[in-house]
Protein backbone atom coordinates (compact mmCIF):
# COMPACT_ATOMS: atom_id res chain seq x y z
CA MET A 1 -78.33 65.75 15.37
CA THR A 2 -79.27 68.15 18.17
CA GLY A 3 -82.05 68.99 20.60
CA ILE A 4 -84.87 66.68 21.55
CA PRO A 5 -84.09 64.10 18.79
CA LEU A 6 -80.61 63.72 20.30
CA ILE A 7 -82.06 63.06 23.76
CA LEU A 8 -84.63 60.58 22.41
CA THR A 9 -81.92 58.77 20.44
CA PHE A 10 -79.85 58.41 23.59
CA VAL A 11 -82.82 57.04 25.55
CA VAL A 12 -83.65 54.51 22.81
CA ALA A 13 -80.00 53.42 22.58
CA ILE A 14 -79.78 52.75 26.32
CA ALA A 15 -83.10 50.86 26.25
CA VAL A 16 -81.99 48.68 23.33
CA MET A 17 -78.70 47.91 25.06
CA ILE A 18 -80.43 46.88 28.30
CA VAL A 19 -82.90 44.63 26.43
CA ALA A 20 -80.10 43.05 24.38
CA ILE A 21 -78.10 42.20 27.49
CA SER A 22 -80.90 41.13 29.83
CA LYS A 23 -83.50 39.54 27.54
CA PHE A 24 -81.50 38.25 24.57
CA LYS A 25 -78.38 37.40 26.60
CA VAL A 26 -76.02 39.27 24.28
CA HIS A 27 -72.61 39.52 25.92
CA PRO A 28 -72.29 42.97 27.55
CA PHE A 29 -69.06 43.74 25.67
CA ILE A 30 -70.67 43.07 22.28
CA ALA A 31 -73.91 44.88 23.19
CA ILE A 32 -72.20 48.02 24.49
CA MET A 33 -69.67 48.23 21.66
CA GLY A 34 -72.38 47.62 19.06
CA ILE A 35 -74.71 50.25 20.50
CA SER A 36 -71.78 52.69 20.72
CA LEU A 37 -70.96 52.28 17.03
CA VAL A 38 -74.60 52.50 15.87
CA LEU A 39 -75.25 55.51 18.10
CA ALA A 40 -72.17 57.28 16.73
CA LEU A 41 -73.45 56.77 13.18
CA VAL A 42 -77.05 57.79 13.97
CA VAL A 43 -76.09 61.07 15.66
CA GLY A 44 -74.29 62.15 12.53
CA ILE A 45 -70.56 61.54 12.84
CA PRO A 46 -69.46 61.38 9.17
CA LEU A 47 -68.90 57.94 7.65
CA ILE A 48 -65.62 59.10 6.16
CA ASP A 49 -64.25 59.44 9.68
CA ILE A 50 -64.95 55.85 10.71
CA ALA A 51 -61.50 54.68 9.60
CA ALA A 52 -59.72 57.75 10.96
CA THR A 53 -56.61 57.05 13.00
CA ASP A 54 -55.36 60.61 13.33
CA THR A 55 -55.79 61.67 16.96
CA THR A 56 -55.51 65.42 16.36
CA PRO A 57 -58.67 67.27 17.49
CA ALA A 58 -59.48 68.36 13.94
CA LYS A 59 -59.60 64.79 12.66
CA GLN A 60 -61.18 62.83 15.47
CA GLY A 61 -63.71 60.36 14.09
CA ILE A 62 -65.60 57.34 15.39
CA ALA A 63 -62.50 55.16 15.35
CA THR A 64 -60.62 57.73 17.39
CA ILE A 65 -63.52 58.22 19.78
CA ILE A 66 -63.90 54.49 20.33
CA GLY A 67 -60.17 54.09 20.82
CA ALA A 68 -60.01 57.01 23.22
CA GLY A 69 -62.96 55.77 25.25
CA PHE A 70 -61.56 52.25 25.43
CA SER A 71 -57.95 53.17 26.24
CA GLY A 72 -58.99 56.03 28.51
CA THR A 73 -60.89 53.64 30.75
CA PHE A 74 -57.93 51.29 30.92
CA ALA A 75 -55.61 54.18 31.76
CA GLY A 76 -57.93 55.53 34.42
CA ILE A 77 -58.93 52.38 36.25
CA GLY A 78 -57.50 49.29 34.54
CA ILE A 79 -54.22 49.07 36.46
CA VAL A 80 -55.99 50.01 39.68
CA ILE A 81 -58.44 47.12 39.26
CA ILE A 82 -55.62 44.67 38.55
CA LEU A 83 -53.52 45.77 41.53
CA GLY A 84 -56.53 45.88 43.83
CA ALA A 85 -57.62 42.41 42.74
CA LEU A 86 -54.12 41.07 43.42
CA VAL A 87 -54.22 42.59 46.90
CA GLY A 88 -57.61 40.98 47.45
CA THR A 89 -56.35 37.58 46.31
CA LEU A 90 -53.42 37.78 48.73
CA LEU A 91 -55.72 38.81 51.58
CA GLU A 92 -57.87 35.76 50.90
CA ARG A 93 -54.99 33.30 50.42
CA THR A 94 -53.12 34.31 53.58
CA GLY A 95 -56.17 34.38 55.84
CA ALA A 96 -55.90 38.15 56.34
CA ALA A 97 -59.44 38.68 55.04
CA ILE A 98 -60.78 36.22 57.62
CA LYS A 99 -58.83 38.00 60.35
CA LEU A 100 -60.32 41.34 59.32
CA ALA A 101 -63.81 39.85 59.19
CA ASP A 102 -63.40 38.54 62.74
CA MET A 103 -62.27 42.00 63.87
CA VAL A 104 -65.36 43.60 62.32
CA VAL A 105 -67.69 41.02 63.87
CA LYS A 106 -66.20 41.67 67.30
CA MET A 107 -66.87 45.39 66.92
CA VAL A 108 -70.44 45.33 65.59
CA GLY A 109 -71.63 41.79 66.28
CA LYS A 110 -72.98 39.21 63.86
CA LYS A 111 -76.45 40.72 63.50
CA HIS A 112 -75.62 43.74 61.33
CA PRO A 113 -72.78 42.87 58.91
CA GLU A 114 -74.38 44.94 56.13
CA LEU A 115 -74.16 48.04 58.31
CA ALA A 116 -70.56 47.24 59.22
CA ILE A 117 -69.38 46.87 55.63
CA MET A 118 -71.34 49.98 54.60
CA ILE A 119 -69.63 52.12 57.24
CA MET A 120 -66.24 50.70 56.26
CA GLY A 121 -66.92 51.65 52.64
CA TRP A 122 -68.11 55.12 53.60
CA ILE A 123 -64.88 55.82 55.52
CA VAL A 124 -62.50 54.32 52.96
CA SER A 125 -64.03 56.16 49.99
CA ILE A 126 -63.50 59.63 51.47
CA PRO A 127 -59.88 59.62 50.21
CA VAL A 128 -60.18 56.71 47.74
CA PHE A 129 -62.17 56.38 44.50
CA CYS A 130 -65.15 54.07 44.95
CA ASP A 131 -63.94 51.69 42.23
CA SER A 132 -60.62 51.19 44.00
CA GLY A 133 -62.32 51.03 47.39
CA PHE A 134 -64.67 48.25 46.32
CA VAL A 135 -61.83 46.14 44.96
CA ILE A 136 -59.82 46.71 48.16
CA LEU A 137 -62.68 45.86 50.53
CA ASP A 138 -64.26 43.03 48.52
CA PRO A 139 -62.22 40.26 50.24
CA ILE A 140 -63.44 41.52 53.63
CA ARG A 141 -67.00 41.55 52.30
CA LYS A 142 -66.69 37.93 51.20
CA ALA A 143 -65.11 36.75 54.44
CA LEU A 144 -67.61 38.70 56.54
CA ARG A 145 -70.51 37.27 54.53
CA ARG A 146 -69.28 33.75 55.09
CA ARG A 147 -68.62 34.47 58.75
CA THR A 148 -72.19 35.68 59.31
CA GLN A 149 -74.04 33.65 56.60
CA THR A 150 -75.59 36.87 55.27
CA SER A 151 -76.91 37.45 51.75
CA SER A 152 -74.02 38.14 49.39
CA VAL A 153 -76.17 40.56 47.38
CA ALA A 154 -77.13 42.55 50.49
CA MET A 155 -73.46 42.81 51.47
CA THR A 156 -72.44 43.86 47.96
CA VAL A 157 -75.11 46.57 47.74
CA ALA A 158 -74.30 47.84 51.23
CA LEU A 159 -70.58 48.10 50.45
CA SER A 160 -71.26 49.77 47.10
CA ALA A 161 -73.58 52.32 48.72
CA GLY A 162 -71.17 53.19 51.52
CA LEU A 163 -68.36 53.81 49.04
CA TYR A 164 -70.58 55.75 46.64
CA ALA A 165 -72.01 58.18 49.17
CA SER A 166 -68.70 59.65 50.27
CA HIS A 167 -67.32 59.46 46.72
CA VAL A 168 -69.83 62.02 45.41
CA LEU A 169 -70.53 64.09 48.52
CA ILE A 170 -67.41 64.46 50.67
CA PRO A 171 -64.10 66.14 49.79
CA PRO A 172 -61.20 65.39 49.31
CA THR A 173 -62.63 63.20 46.53
CA PRO A 174 -61.86 65.19 43.32
CA GLY A 175 -65.48 65.66 42.22
CA PRO A 176 -66.80 67.46 45.32
CA ILE A 177 -63.57 69.50 45.57
CA ALA A 178 -63.93 70.65 41.95
CA ALA A 179 -67.59 71.52 42.47
CA ALA A 180 -66.81 73.53 45.60
CA GLY A 181 -64.13 75.46 43.72
CA SER A 182 -66.35 76.19 40.73
CA LEU A 183 -69.17 77.42 42.95
CA GLY A 184 -66.86 79.79 44.85
CA LEU A 185 -66.38 77.67 47.98
CA ALA A 186 -62.65 76.93 47.75
CA ASP A 187 -62.13 78.50 51.18
CA ASN A 188 -65.06 76.64 52.74
CA LEU A 189 -64.06 73.01 52.16
CA LEU A 190 -64.52 72.13 55.83
CA LEU A 191 -68.16 73.26 55.62
CA VAL A 192 -68.60 71.26 52.42
CA MET A 193 -67.12 68.18 54.12
CA ALA A 194 -69.40 68.55 57.13
CA MET A 195 -72.49 69.01 54.97
CA GLY A 196 -71.45 66.07 52.80
CA ALA A 197 -71.21 63.85 55.86
CA LEU A 198 -74.64 65.05 57.02
CA ILE A 199 -76.37 64.53 53.66
CA SER A 200 -74.84 61.09 53.25
CA VAL A 201 -76.69 59.87 56.38
CA PRO A 202 -80.22 59.73 54.87
CA ALA A 203 -78.76 58.32 51.65
CA LEU A 204 -77.04 55.53 53.59
CA ILE A 205 -80.13 54.79 55.68
CA ALA A 206 -82.21 54.41 52.52
CA ALA A 207 -79.49 52.27 50.94
CA TYR A 208 -79.23 50.04 54.01
CA PHE A 209 -82.91 49.12 53.94
CA TYR A 210 -82.80 48.71 50.16
CA ALA A 211 -79.84 46.33 50.55
CA LEU A 212 -81.78 44.22 53.03
CA TYR A 213 -84.79 44.20 50.71
CA ILE A 214 -82.99 43.38 47.46
CA GLY A 215 -80.82 40.79 49.20
CA LYS A 216 -83.97 38.68 49.65
CA LYS A 217 -85.01 39.07 46.00
CA VAL A 218 -81.74 38.55 44.11
CA LYS A 219 -79.16 35.77 44.45
CA SER A 220 -75.55 35.90 43.32
CA SER A 221 -73.21 33.09 42.37
CA GLU A 222 -71.79 33.29 45.90
CA ASP A 223 -75.23 32.65 47.43
CA GLU A 224 -75.82 29.72 45.08
CA GLU A 225 -72.50 28.16 46.03
CA ASP A 226 -73.41 28.08 49.73
CA GLY A 227 -75.38 24.88 49.32
CA LEU A 228 -72.32 23.18 47.81
CA ILE A 229 -69.95 24.14 50.63
CA SER A 230 -69.63 21.50 53.29
CA GLN A 231 -66.69 23.07 55.12
CA THR A 232 -67.67 25.09 58.19
CA TYR A 233 -66.23 28.50 58.92
CA GLU A 234 -64.23 27.10 61.83
CA GLU A 235 -62.75 24.40 59.59
CA LEU A 236 -61.84 27.06 57.06
CA VAL A 237 -59.95 29.02 59.72
CA LYS A 238 -58.04 25.90 60.77
CA ASP A 239 -56.84 25.42 57.20
CA TYR A 240 -54.80 28.61 57.52
CA LYS A 241 -53.12 27.33 60.73
CA ASN A 242 -51.83 30.73 61.93
CA LEU A 243 -53.79 33.82 60.91
CA PRO A 244 -51.80 37.06 60.60
CA SER A 245 -51.97 39.71 63.31
CA GLY A 246 -54.62 42.40 63.07
CA PHE A 247 -52.04 45.04 62.16
CA MET A 248 -50.50 42.97 59.36
CA ALA A 249 -53.93 42.00 58.06
CA LEU A 250 -54.83 45.68 57.86
CA ALA A 251 -51.55 46.80 56.27
CA PRO A 252 -52.35 45.87 52.62
CA ILE A 253 -55.58 47.88 52.85
CA LEU A 254 -54.70 50.63 55.29
CA SER A 255 -51.40 51.62 53.65
CA PRO A 256 -52.89 52.58 50.25
CA VAL A 257 -55.84 54.29 51.93
CA LEU A 258 -53.56 56.42 54.12
CA LEU A 259 -51.21 57.24 51.24
CA MET A 260 -54.10 58.36 49.04
CA ALA A 261 -55.64 60.33 51.92
CA VAL A 262 -52.40 62.22 52.63
CA SER A 263 -51.98 62.98 48.94
CA SER A 264 -55.54 64.32 48.73
CA VAL A 265 -54.94 66.59 51.72
CA VAL A 266 -51.71 68.11 50.40
CA VAL A 267 -53.35 68.70 47.01
CA ALA A 268 -56.38 70.35 48.63
CA LEU A 269 -54.09 72.59 50.69
CA LYS A 270 -51.98 73.40 47.59
CA MET A 271 -48.77 72.51 49.40
CA LYS A 272 -45.47 72.63 47.49
CA GLY A 273 -41.97 71.22 47.87
CA SER A 274 -39.89 68.12 47.12
CA PHE A 275 -41.31 66.14 50.05
CA ILE A 276 -44.84 67.04 48.96
CA THR A 277 -44.02 65.77 45.47
CA VAL A 278 -42.98 62.43 46.99
CA LEU A 279 -46.22 62.28 48.99
CA ARG A 280 -48.27 62.99 45.87
CA PHE A 281 -46.36 60.28 44.00
CA LEU A 282 -46.97 57.73 46.75
CA GLY A 283 -50.63 58.79 46.90
CA ASN A 284 -51.25 58.02 43.25
CA PRO A 285 -53.75 55.10 43.31
CA MET A 286 -51.47 52.87 41.25
CA ILE A 287 -48.43 53.51 43.46
CA ALA A 288 -50.44 53.34 46.69
CA LEU A 289 -51.94 49.99 45.71
CA THR A 290 -48.49 48.76 44.74
CA VAL A 291 -47.40 49.49 48.32
CA GLY A 292 -50.41 47.52 49.55
CA LEU A 293 -49.46 44.70 47.19
CA LEU A 294 -45.95 44.57 48.68
CA PHE A 295 -47.47 44.13 52.15
CA GLY A 296 -49.63 41.35 50.70
CA VAL A 297 -46.58 39.62 49.22
CA TYR A 298 -44.90 39.84 52.61
CA LEU A 299 -47.93 38.16 54.19
CA LEU A 300 -47.70 35.40 51.58
CA PHE A 301 -44.00 34.96 52.39
CA LYS A 302 -44.67 34.80 56.14
CA SER A 303 -47.35 32.15 55.57
CA GLY A 304 -44.87 29.97 53.65
CA LYS A 305 -46.82 30.22 50.38
CA ILE A 306 -44.59 32.55 48.35
CA SER A 307 -44.09 29.80 45.75
CA GLU A 308 -47.78 30.19 44.86
CA PHE A 309 -47.46 33.86 43.93
CA ASN A 310 -47.09 33.33 40.17
CA ALA A 311 -50.10 31.01 40.02
CA LEU A 312 -52.15 33.45 42.12
CA CYS A 313 -51.31 36.26 39.68
CA ASN A 314 -52.41 34.15 36.70
CA ASP A 315 -55.67 33.16 38.37
CA THR A 316 -56.42 36.76 39.34
CA LEU A 317 -55.80 38.10 35.84
CA LYS A 318 -58.16 35.48 34.39
CA VAL A 319 -60.91 36.79 36.66
CA VAL A 320 -60.14 40.48 36.12
CA GLY A 321 -59.79 40.33 32.32
CA PRO A 322 -63.52 40.15 31.45
CA ILE A 323 -64.27 42.91 33.96
CA LEU A 324 -61.71 45.21 32.34
CA PHE A 325 -63.01 44.71 28.81
CA VAL A 326 -66.67 45.28 29.70
CA THR A 327 -65.68 48.32 31.78
CA ALA A 328 -63.70 49.72 28.85
CA ALA A 329 -66.69 49.17 26.55
CA GLY A 330 -68.76 51.30 28.93
CA GLY A 331 -66.09 53.99 28.57
CA VAL A 332 -66.58 53.87 24.79
CA LEU A 333 -70.33 54.44 25.15
CA GLY A 334 -69.71 57.40 27.44
CA LYS A 335 -67.21 58.88 24.97
CA VAL A 336 -69.60 58.53 22.03
CA ILE A 337 -72.44 60.20 23.93
CA ALA A 338 -70.19 63.04 25.07
CA SER A 339 -68.88 63.53 21.50
CA ALA A 340 -72.43 63.64 20.13
CA GLY A 341 -72.95 67.10 21.66
CA PHE A 342 -75.22 66.06 24.52
CA VAL A 343 -73.29 68.04 27.14
CA GLU A 344 -73.16 71.15 24.95
CA TYR A 345 -76.92 70.94 24.41
CA MET A 346 -77.55 70.84 28.15
CA LYS A 347 -75.32 73.87 28.67
CA ALA A 348 -77.04 75.83 25.93
CA ASN A 349 -80.53 75.14 27.28
CA ALA A 350 -79.80 75.36 31.00
CA SER A 351 -81.71 78.63 31.48
CA SER A 352 -85.02 77.10 30.34
CA ILE A 353 -85.27 74.94 33.47
CA ALA A 354 -83.59 77.33 35.90
CA THR A 355 -86.86 78.14 37.66
CA ILE A 356 -86.75 74.96 39.72
CA GLY A 357 -84.09 76.30 42.09
CA ILE A 358 -82.13 73.76 44.13
CA PHE A 359 -83.47 70.91 41.98
CA PHE A 360 -81.76 72.34 38.89
CA PRO A 361 -78.21 71.15 39.76
CA PHE A 362 -79.62 67.76 40.78
CA ILE A 363 -81.45 67.25 37.48
CA ILE A 364 -78.55 68.41 35.30
CA ALA A 365 -76.06 66.21 37.16
CA ALA A 366 -78.44 63.22 37.03
CA ILE A 367 -78.93 63.61 33.29
CA LEU A 368 -75.20 63.91 32.66
CA LYS A 369 -74.41 60.98 34.97
CA THR A 370 -76.93 58.71 33.29
CA ALA A 371 -75.75 59.82 29.85
CA GLN A 372 -72.01 59.41 30.08
CA GLY A 373 -71.39 57.26 33.19
CA SER A 374 -68.80 59.19 35.18
CA SER A 375 -69.93 60.82 38.42
CA THR A 376 -66.85 63.04 38.44
CA VAL A 377 -67.56 64.29 34.90
CA ALA A 378 -71.21 64.91 35.82
CA ILE A 379 -70.16 66.87 38.92
CA THR A 380 -67.53 69.03 37.23
CA THR A 381 -69.67 69.72 34.15
CA THR A 382 -72.71 70.71 36.22
CA ALA A 383 -70.57 72.90 38.46
CA GLY A 384 -69.15 74.60 35.37
CA ILE A 385 -72.68 75.35 34.15
CA LEU A 386 -73.64 76.88 37.51
CA GLY A 387 -70.56 79.07 38.10
CA SER A 388 -69.71 80.94 41.29
CA PHE A 389 -72.45 81.98 43.70
CA ALA A 390 -70.76 85.38 44.02
CA ALA A 391 -70.84 86.16 40.27
CA SER A 392 -73.77 88.31 39.19
CA ASP A 393 -73.90 86.73 35.72
CA SER A 394 -73.78 83.10 36.89
CA MET A 395 -76.51 80.49 36.82
CA MET A 396 -76.23 80.32 40.61
CA ASN A 397 -77.43 83.90 40.78
CA VAL A 398 -80.30 83.17 38.39
CA LEU A 399 -81.34 80.25 40.60
CA GLY A 400 -81.24 82.40 43.73
CA LEU A 401 -78.48 80.25 45.23
CA ASN A 402 -76.34 83.28 46.03
CA THR A 403 -75.22 82.71 49.62
CA PRO A 404 -72.38 80.47 50.86
CA MET A 405 -74.77 78.07 52.61
CA LEU A 406 -77.04 77.73 49.58
CA ALA A 407 -73.94 77.22 47.46
CA VAL A 408 -72.92 74.36 49.75
CA LEU A 409 -76.36 72.82 49.30
CA ALA A 410 -75.94 73.23 45.55
CA VAL A 411 -72.70 71.21 45.77
CA MET A 412 -74.66 68.55 47.63
CA ALA A 413 -77.43 68.59 45.02
CA ILE A 414 -74.84 68.11 42.29
CA GLY A 415 -73.40 65.16 44.21
CA ALA A 416 -76.85 63.63 44.71
CA GLY A 417 -77.56 63.96 41.01
CA SER A 418 -74.22 62.46 40.06
CA MET A 419 -75.11 59.19 41.79
CA THR A 420 -78.43 58.92 39.91
CA VAL A 421 -78.06 56.40 38.33
CA SER A 422 -75.18 53.96 37.85
CA HIS A 423 -75.73 51.64 34.89
CA ALA A 424 -73.89 49.98 31.99
CA ASN A 425 -71.79 52.99 30.92
CA ASP A 426 -70.38 53.40 34.45
CA SER A 427 -67.19 51.49 35.32
CA TYR A 428 -68.39 51.22 38.93
CA PHE A 429 -71.49 49.32 37.78
CA TRP A 430 -69.31 46.60 36.28
CA VAL A 431 -66.91 46.50 39.22
CA VAL A 432 -69.80 45.97 41.67
CA THR A 433 -71.72 43.55 39.46
CA ASN A 434 -68.78 41.34 38.52
CA PHE A 435 -66.96 41.31 41.84
CA GLY A 436 -70.32 40.71 43.53
CA GLY A 437 -70.91 37.61 41.40
CA MET A 438 -74.15 38.95 39.89
CA LYS A 439 -75.64 38.69 36.41
CA THR A 440 -75.89 41.87 34.36
CA GLU A 441 -79.68 42.02 34.66
CA ASP A 442 -79.32 41.68 38.42
CA GLY A 443 -76.97 44.65 38.36
CA TYR A 444 -79.86 46.87 37.29
CA ALA A 445 -82.00 45.69 40.21
CA THR A 446 -79.14 46.11 42.70
CA GLN A 447 -76.57 48.73 41.72
CA THR A 448 -78.83 50.85 39.50
CA GLY A 449 -81.67 50.51 42.00
CA VAL A 450 -79.68 51.49 45.07
CA THR A 451 -78.10 54.51 43.37
CA LEU A 452 -81.56 55.73 42.38
CA VAL A 453 -82.80 55.32 45.95
CA MET A 454 -79.73 57.07 47.36
CA GLY A 455 -79.97 59.99 44.96
CA ILE A 456 -83.64 60.61 45.73
CA ALA A 457 -83.11 60.28 49.50
CA ALA A 458 -80.15 62.68 49.45
CA MET A 459 -82.04 65.22 47.33
CA ALA A 460 -85.06 65.06 49.63
CA ALA A 461 -82.82 65.90 52.60
CA ILE A 462 -81.19 68.73 50.66
CA PHE A 463 -84.56 70.22 49.76
CA VAL A 464 -85.72 70.12 53.38
CA LEU A 465 -82.53 71.87 54.52
CA SER A 466 -82.92 74.49 51.80
CA LEU A 467 -86.24 75.54 53.35
CA PHE A 468 -84.48 76.55 56.56
CA LEU A 469 -80.98 77.66 55.51
């Protein structure tokens, strides 16, 4: 299947999946896996290949695609989620999360906790993937929410938005770096970073007000539990006896962030050498979070609760398990859609919508993001379609985006498109929804809604700038 029928099939599949999950209460794992299998059959992958187990490119069938999508998601984010969740559990159990929440309140006051957690997310996600960043900062979000008695949903959406903006717009996150390189801006990363920071401002402003709005409309399990909690915040603090110092409370979070940031810098600068290899190793998200976990274990030891470590691990894995399986199912859906030829179709027909100028990269990235779930894949694929602004035969030249500044705006437009929208085939959707204690249908109103608002706000700002630059 190709062309318009392929696109319509994809749209129908997504609609059926959303209705199955939200209206008929089908478990997300079953709904996503079922839709993935049916979609793979409908788009024309031969039936004979369903039982294929050979992973060579020439013999990849549905079984291989499903396996690759499932295992690929686990390999990419599974261990990171587990390690990050363990760090979060230790922050909560030792009182470090409460200490950090108090520090934040002292800096920004109790009136604007949503803004505080959004800014924290925006900073952390510059060197760290948004999925990892959310898991790392979630304990602070929970403690800060309880400290200020703010809507849990508003705090969740604000944190998600802060992380997401820098993830798709600001190097050294891999997506924006790859886009800058493909568009011929490898030597202008500082300009790309500055423009990314500028464009993220209107996106964050729009997200902030959306978070306040949706926080009044949607309730999470955390909000519903408030009425059952009789213990005051002050009594909760007393239960911990001695809270850790600010430095030690920060260490489990700050150490992985710094390690990943340093690794991103040395990679961007293409530095070589044995010491650089060590830095890159330590900056791997799994290794960096392991370092953060060791700091968390030390906090547990200092608090006299090291004997609880095994039980804490078991409890954490029980919570993380369902998240991992639903996330992996989303990876399967993305893999099926990508294998159906959707991306190739967009590449082949790119010239037919090239007359819309700066909106072209936004639309292509948005379509690819919505189709297969990964912002990074949407960014790199769209950048590959556009090519270098300096090449006479590139799509950038056809679009009239043939100056360095317009190329930078094109990178921003790709980033804006790649955040529009996050839904069931995006691992970040499930991280935010599940860690935020929300139902799947609420995830569409919150996470999907805020990413749509952010994408439109960012693209509006980009268009305005394109009129003057």
